[in-house]
Protein backbone atom coordinates (compact mmCIF):
# COMPACT_ATOMS: atom_id res chain seq x y z
CA MET A 1 -0.31 0.04 0.12
CA LYS A 2 3.21 2.46 0.92
CA PHE A 3 4.35 1.52 -2.99
CA ALA A 4 1.12 2.63 -4.69
CA ARG A 5 0.69 5.44 -2.74
CA ILE A 6 3.97 6.61 -3.32
CA LEU A 7 3.76 6.25 -7.03
CA ALA A 8 0.29 8.17 -6.90
CA LEU A 9 2.09 10.94 -5.53
CA LEU A 10 5.05 10.50 -8.17
CA LEU A 11 2.58 10.21 -11.10
CA ALA A 12 0.57 13.15 -10.05
CA ALA A 13 4.14 15.14 -9.34
CA ALA A 14 4.92 14.25 -13.00
CA VAL A 15 1.14 15.52 -14.17
CA VAL A 16 1.79 18.86 -12.75
CA ALA A 17 5.16 19.60 -13.41
CA GLY A 18 3.98 18.49 -17.09
CA ALA A 19 1.50 20.98 -17.08
CA ALA A 20 3.58 23.76 -15.56
CA TYR A 21 6.13 23.28 -18.24
CA GLY A 22 3.62 23.36 -20.75
CA GLN A 23 2.34 26.98 -19.40
CA SER A 24 6.23 28.15 -19.51
CA TYR A 25 6.76 26.80 -22.81
CA PRO A 26 9.04 28.24 -24.95
CA THR A 27 11.95 29.87 -23.13
CA LYS A 28 13.81 29.93 -26.05
CA PRO A 29 13.87 29.99 -29.67
CA ILE A 30 12.10 27.06 -31.35
CA ARG A 31 13.60 25.51 -34.34
CA LEU A 32 10.86 24.69 -37.44
CA ILE A 33 12.93 22.04 -39.88
CA VAL A 34 11.84 22.07 -43.31
CA PRO A 35 13.06 19.18 -44.78
CA PHE A 36 13.46 20.74 -48.26
CA PRO A 37 15.44 23.79 -50.06
CA PRO A 38 14.55 27.15 -49.84
CA GLY A 39 12.66 28.79 -52.37
CA GLY A 40 10.31 25.51 -52.88
CA GLY A 41 6.53 24.90 -52.18
CA THR A 42 7.36 23.63 -48.88
CA ASP A 43 9.55 26.06 -47.85
CA PHE A 44 6.87 28.98 -48.56
CA VAL A 45 4.12 27.57 -46.47
CA ALA A 46 6.51 27.11 -43.89
CA ARG A 47 8.28 30.68 -43.51
CA GLN A 48 4.97 32.18 -43.73
CA PHE A 49 3.27 29.80 -41.12
CA ALA A 50 6.72 30.41 -38.55
CA THR A 51 5.92 34.10 -39.16
CA LYS A 52 2.78 34.54 -38.49
CA LEU A 53 2.86 32.02 -35.36
CA ALA A 54 5.52 34.02 -33.94
CA GLU A 55 3.91 37.31 -34.82
CA GLN A 56 0.73 35.71 -32.81
CA THR A 57 2.53 34.39 -29.79
CA GLY A 58 5.91 36.48 -29.38
CA TRP A 59 8.08 33.44 -29.89
CA THR A 60 11.42 33.46 -31.70
CA ILE A 61 10.72 30.45 -34.53
CA VAL A 62 14.04 29.58 -36.54
CA VAL A 63 13.54 28.26 -39.58
CA ASP A 64 16.15 25.65 -40.47
CA ASN A 65 16.19 23.78 -44.48
CA LYS A 66 17.43 20.08 -44.16
CA ALA A 67 17.16 18.85 -47.94
CA GLY A 68 17.73 15.60 -49.19
CA ALA A 69 16.45 11.94 -49.70
CA SER A 70 13.00 13.21 -50.65
CA GLY A 71 12.58 14.90 -47.77
CA MET A 72 13.66 12.27 -45.57
CA ILE A 73 17.06 13.56 -44.37
CA GLY A 74 15.38 16.31 -42.38
CA LEU A 75 12.50 13.61 -40.98
CA ALA A 76 15.74 11.62 -39.31
CA GLU A 77 17.19 15.10 -38.03
CA ALA A 78 13.97 15.92 -36.26
CA ALA A 79 13.30 12.41 -34.92
CA ARG A 80 16.69 12.24 -33.43
CA ALA A 81 16.47 15.80 -31.85
CA ASN A 82 15.89 16.28 -27.93
CA PRO A 83 12.06 15.72 -27.45
CA ASP A 84 11.35 18.37 -25.37
CA GLY A 85 9.14 20.78 -28.26
CA TYR A 86 12.26 22.97 -29.38
CA ASP A 87 12.73 21.30 -32.32
CA ILE A 88 9.91 20.60 -34.39
CA VAL A 89 9.26 20.09 -38.14
CA MET A 90 7.22 20.64 -40.95
CA GLY A 91 6.39 17.10 -42.47
CA GLN A 92 4.07 16.74 -45.92
CA ALA A 93 2.04 13.86 -48.04
CA ASP A 94 5.27 13.36 -49.66
CA ASN A 95 8.29 12.56 -47.83
CA MET A 96 5.74 11.29 -44.61
CA ILE A 97 3.80 8.67 -47.33
CA ILE A 98 5.30 8.60 -50.80
CA ALA A 99 8.80 8.45 -49.98
CA PRO A 100 8.08 5.39 -47.58
CA ALA A 101 6.34 3.50 -49.79
CA MET A 102 8.10 4.17 -52.95
CA GLN A 103 12.08 3.98 -51.53
CA LYS A 104 14.21 0.95 -49.70
CA ASN A 105 16.82 1.85 -46.53
CA GLN A 106 15.29 5.15 -45.61
CA PRO A 107 17.06 6.65 -42.94
CA VAL A 108 13.86 7.28 -40.95
CA ASP A 109 10.54 5.69 -40.46
CA PRO A 110 8.75 8.86 -40.08
CA ILE A 111 5.26 7.51 -39.12
CA LYS A 112 6.96 5.48 -36.01
CA GLU A 113 9.59 7.85 -35.26
CA LEU A 114 8.00 11.03 -35.00
CA THR A 115 4.38 12.46 -33.08
CA PRO A 116 2.02 14.28 -35.19
CA ILE A 117 0.91 17.89 -33.83
CA SER A 118 -1.39 19.09 -35.79
CA LEU A 119 -1.87 19.67 -39.65
CA VAL A 120 -1.19 23.31 -41.23
CA ALA A 121 -2.61 23.24 -44.60
CA THR A 122 -3.86 21.22 -47.48
CA SER A 123 -3.14 21.21 -51.07
CA PRO A 124 -5.61 19.74 -53.75
CA PHE A 125 -3.84 18.69 -57.31
CA LEU A 126 -5.06 19.91 -60.48
CA PHE A 127 -6.18 18.20 -64.22
CA MET A 128 -5.68 20.93 -66.91
CA THR A 129 -5.18 21.44 -70.61
CA THR A 130 -5.02 24.18 -73.15
CA VAL A 131 -8.01 26.01 -74.32
CA ASP A 132 -8.03 24.72 -77.72
CA SER A 133 -8.00 21.28 -76.08
CA LYS A 134 -10.28 19.31 -77.85
CA PHE A 135 -11.15 18.47 -73.98
CA LYS A 136 -13.57 20.80 -72.51
CA SER A 137 -14.28 18.30 -69.41
CA LEU A 138 -12.61 15.70 -67.30
CA ASN A 139 -15.46 13.37 -68.73
CA ASP A 140 -14.47 14.12 -71.95
CA VAL A 141 -10.67 13.02 -70.94
CA VAL A 142 -12.06 9.34 -69.49
CA ALA A 143 -13.89 9.26 -72.89
CA ALA A 144 -11.36 9.32 -74.63
CA ALA A 145 -9.24 6.94 -72.95
CA LYS A 146 -11.71 4.19 -72.38
CA ALA A 147 -11.95 4.38 -76.61
CA ASN A 148 -8.04 4.86 -76.58
CA PRO A 149 -7.06 3.19 -74.10
CA GLY A 150 -3.59 4.32 -73.01
CA LYS A 151 -3.56 6.92 -76.28
CA VAL A 152 -4.39 9.94 -73.85
CA THR A 153 -0.99 11.80 -72.50
CA TYR A 154 -0.70 13.28 -69.30
CA GLY A 155 2.43 14.65 -67.94
CA THR A 156 3.15 14.74 -64.21
CA ALA A 157 6.41 16.68 -62.07
CA GLY A 158 7.81 12.67 -62.08
CA THR A 159 7.18 9.33 -61.46
CA GLY A 160 5.52 8.46 -57.81
CA ASN A 161 4.42 12.04 -56.59
CA TYR A 162 1.38 12.69 -55.35
CA THR A 163 -0.25 13.54 -58.65
CA HIS A 164 0.83 10.81 -60.27
CA LEU A 165 -0.96 8.36 -57.19
CA ALA A 166 -3.80 10.42 -57.48
CA MET A 167 -4.37 10.09 -61.24
CA GLU A 168 -3.59 6.41 -60.72
CA LEU A 169 -6.23 6.23 -57.79
CA LEU A 170 -8.78 8.04 -61.01
CA GLN A 171 -7.99 5.76 -63.50
CA GLN A 172 -8.62 2.48 -61.14
CA GLU A 173 -11.85 3.91 -59.90
CA GLY A 174 -13.00 4.80 -63.33
CA ASN A 175 -11.77 1.82 -64.95
CA PHE A 176 -9.72 3.94 -67.72
CA LYS A 177 -5.77 3.97 -68.80
CA LEU A 178 -3.66 7.13 -69.87
CA GLU A 179 -0.33 7.04 -70.59
CA GLN A 180 1.67 9.04 -67.72
CA VAL A 181 4.94 11.19 -69.21
CA PRO A 182 6.97 11.93 -66.17
CA TYR A 183 8.81 15.10 -65.88
CA LYS A 184 11.77 16.59 -64.03
CA GLY A 185 9.86 18.93 -62.37
CA ALA A 186 6.21 20.93 -62.77
CA ALA A 187 8.10 23.42 -65.46
CA PRO A 188 8.81 20.96 -68.44
CA ALA A 189 5.44 19.33 -68.25
CA MET A 190 4.06 22.87 -68.45
CA THR A 191 6.22 23.54 -71.08
CA ASP A 192 5.24 20.49 -73.32
CA LEU A 193 1.38 20.99 -72.60
CA MET A 194 1.63 24.82 -73.94
CA GLY A 195 3.33 23.60 -76.59
CA GLY A 196 0.58 20.28 -77.38
CA HIS A 197 3.27 17.53 -76.75
CA ILE A 198 0.93 16.13 -73.99
CA ALA A 199 -2.47 15.99 -73.46
CA MET A 200 -3.07 17.41 -70.27
CA ALA A 201 -1.25 17.64 -67.16
CA ALA A 202 -1.55 16.20 -63.18
CA LEU A 203 0.53 18.92 -61.41
CA SER A 204 -0.12 21.51 -58.41
CA ILE A 205 -2.89 24.52 -58.92
CA ALA A 206 0.18 26.90 -58.27
CA SER A 207 1.64 25.12 -61.71
CA GLY A 208 -1.62 26.04 -63.16
CA MET A 209 -3.19 29.22 -61.97
CA PRO A 210 -1.63 31.55 -64.20
CA GLY A 211 -1.87 30.00 -67.51
CA ILE A 212 -5.79 29.42 -66.38
CA ARG A 213 -6.20 33.06 -65.18
CA GLY A 214 -4.54 34.10 -68.54
CA GLY A 215 -6.73 32.52 -70.85
CA LYS A 216 -4.12 30.10 -71.97
CA LEU A 217 -4.73 26.98 -69.58
CA ARG A 218 -8.32 25.39 -68.73
CA GLY A 219 -8.89 23.56 -65.36
CA LEU A 220 -10.83 20.23 -65.53
CA ALA A 221 -11.06 19.57 -62.32
CA VAL A 222 -9.26 19.84 -59.08
CA THR A 223 -8.91 16.98 -56.40
CA SER A 224 -10.15 18.01 -53.33
CA ALA A 225 -13.70 17.13 -51.81
CA LYS A 226 -14.76 20.89 -52.18
CA ARG A 227 -13.87 23.12 -54.82
CA SER A 228 -10.68 25.37 -54.40
CA PRO A 229 -10.79 29.04 -53.50
CA ALA A 230 -7.60 29.65 -55.60
CA LEU A 231 -9.64 28.16 -58.72
CA PRO A 232 -13.88 28.57 -57.62
CA ASP A 233 -14.99 28.08 -61.38
CA VAL A 234 -12.74 24.68 -61.64
CA PRO A 235 -14.95 21.85 -60.64
CA THR A 236 -13.95 19.04 -58.34
CA VAL A 237 -13.28 15.54 -59.45
CA ALA A 238 -16.43 13.95 -57.69
CA GLU A 239 -18.35 16.88 -59.37
CA SER A 240 -17.24 15.03 -62.54
CA GLY A 241 -19.47 11.70 -61.84
CA PHE A 242 -16.43 10.05 -59.20
CA LYS A 243 -18.32 10.15 -55.99
CA ASP A 244 -16.43 10.86 -52.95
CA PHE A 245 -12.70 11.25 -55.16
CA GLU A 246 -10.23 13.01 -52.72
CA ALA A 247 -6.65 13.09 -53.01
CA ILE A 248 -4.74 16.09 -51.56
CA GLY A 249 -1.27 16.98 -50.55
CA TRP A 250 -1.12 18.18 -46.91
CA LEU A 251 1.62 19.89 -44.79
CA GLY A 252 1.86 19.47 -41.22
CA ILE A 253 3.94 19.66 -37.66
CA LEU A 254 5.28 17.00 -35.94
CA ALA A 255 8.09 16.60 -33.72
CA PRO A 256 10.28 13.97 -31.84
CA ASN A 257 8.60 11.05 -29.86
CA GLY A 258 8.56 11.60 -26.41
CA ILE A 259 7.04 15.22 -26.77
CA PRO A 260 5.50 15.84 -23.50
CA PRO A 261 1.81 16.19 -23.93
CA ALA A 262 1.32 19.83 -22.78
CA VAL A 263 3.61 21.11 -25.13
CA VAL A 264 1.72 18.85 -27.58
CA ALA A 265 -2.07 20.87 -26.63
CA ARG A 266 0.24 24.34 -26.24
CA LEU A 267 1.31 24.00 -29.90
CA GLY A 268 -1.82 22.30 -31.42
CA ALA A 269 -3.85 25.32 -29.48
CA GLU A 270 -1.65 27.76 -30.86
CA ILE A 271 -1.62 25.80 -34.71
CA ALA A 272 -5.47 26.42 -34.55
CA LYS A 273 -5.48 30.17 -33.78
CA VAL A 274 -2.22 31.11 -36.72
CA VAL A 275 -4.26 29.24 -39.63
CA GLN A 276 -7.39 31.54 -39.12
CA ASN A 277 -4.99 34.38 -39.67
CA PRO A 278 -6.72 35.77 -42.97
CA ASP A 279 -3.07 37.24 -44.03
CA LEU A 280 -1.58 33.71 -43.76
CA GLN A 281 -4.96 32.59 -45.40
CA LYS A 282 -4.67 35.00 -48.22
CA ALA A 283 -0.71 34.48 -49.33
CA LEU A 284 -1.28 30.35 -48.94
CA ILE A 285 -4.57 30.50 -51.19
CA ALA A 286 -2.34 32.70 -53.70
CA SER A 287 -0.12 29.64 -54.09
CA GLY A 288 -2.88 26.93 -54.40
CA VAL A 289 -2.83 25.57 -50.67
CA GLU A 290 -5.30 26.04 -48.26
CA THR A 291 -4.61 26.62 -44.30
CA ARG A 292 -6.40 23.94 -41.96
CA SER A 293 -5.49 22.85 -38.51
CA SER A 294 -6.62 19.35 -37.02
CA SER A 295 -6.54 17.45 -33.22
CA GLN A 296 -3.34 15.21 -32.83
CA ALA A 297 -6.07 12.03 -32.95
CA GLU A 298 -7.49 13.38 -36.55
CA PHE A 299 -3.50 14.00 -37.65
CA VAL A 300 -3.17 10.81 -36.29
CA ALA A 301 -6.04 8.44 -37.96
CA MET A 302 -4.95 10.72 -41.49
CA LEU A 303 -1.63 9.60 -41.67
CA LYS A 304 -3.01 5.87 -41.26
CA ASN A 305 -5.71 6.04 -43.52
CA ASP A 306 -3.04 7.84 -46.25
CA THR A 307 -0.40 4.96 -45.59
CA ALA A 308 -2.68 2.41 -46.80
CA LYS A 309 -4.11 4.29 -49.68
CA VAL A 310 -0.47 5.10 -51.37
CA ARG A 311 0.76 1.77 -50.53
CA LYS A 312 -2.63 0.26 -52.49
CA ILE A 313 -2.19 2.30 -55.44
CA VAL A 314 1.27 1.92 -55.68
CA GLU A 315 1.01 -1.83 -55.91
CA SER A 316 -2.32 -2.12 -57.82
CA ALA A 317 -0.55 0.10 -60.41
CA GLY A 318 2.66 -2.13 -60.65
CA ILE A 319 4.45 1.24 -59.99
CA LYS A 320 8.54 0.02 -58.90
CA THR A 321 10.03 1.43 -55.90
CA GLU A 322 13.50 2.31 -55.47
């Protein structure tokens, strides 16, 4: 009985200490690891997010780019950091979910070695073609692909990225076949689309927005459940007849395993506030990204669901892993 009482007192003391730590956190700068180079989409979102979070809280947040291995180097560094809440990382679908499914011998297992805190943003993909194309809708593309399997081409920014997997998922659900033309990035894919060398492209909204607004491109569909505020006139894939279809990229904050629950709660609460910042929302929508927070439980459930979905697509489509 005496031992049980001592144990109970120790546990109670730990809870009180943890709560106090969360209230006093942070007492020094927080490092936000970005697993991609400066100037890219993830870096842009991370820096916008860090700036607004610092303004909101008075915290000092230092963005630290740790690129390499499809974003896995930065995740590995975060996983090995001290779990005191002063090292966090901006993970996203490509390095948290897709890279582990596509590549062998990774330096980290991000699902097992990092603790999710909250989502920060989501980013649907865009299926697009030129304004003078015979394809006026996504249904036109599907009809042509069914009539001529493998003859209708579409460009991506590379094999195995999320837009490629989204198109593979669509083909599986719609029972049709397109021919993927992978490029080394969005820019060369856009060049060939504009030049008429491919029939359509599956890329980020940011890649297609200038052409659509400039009257040179036609948006066929976005892959989110609802229309994107960046392109409100472009229908969703679901509106095109593929009920409940959704395939979106996302970005979220994670931390090393062992981070105190009180700090998780504090970070989650502040993230939930900052994503409502109108200036942040405006800046991200201009690049085709929408702010979105989540509870820790919701983030964990999404990671589990997306992992299963991506692995199924990779296996069903016969995409070769490295």
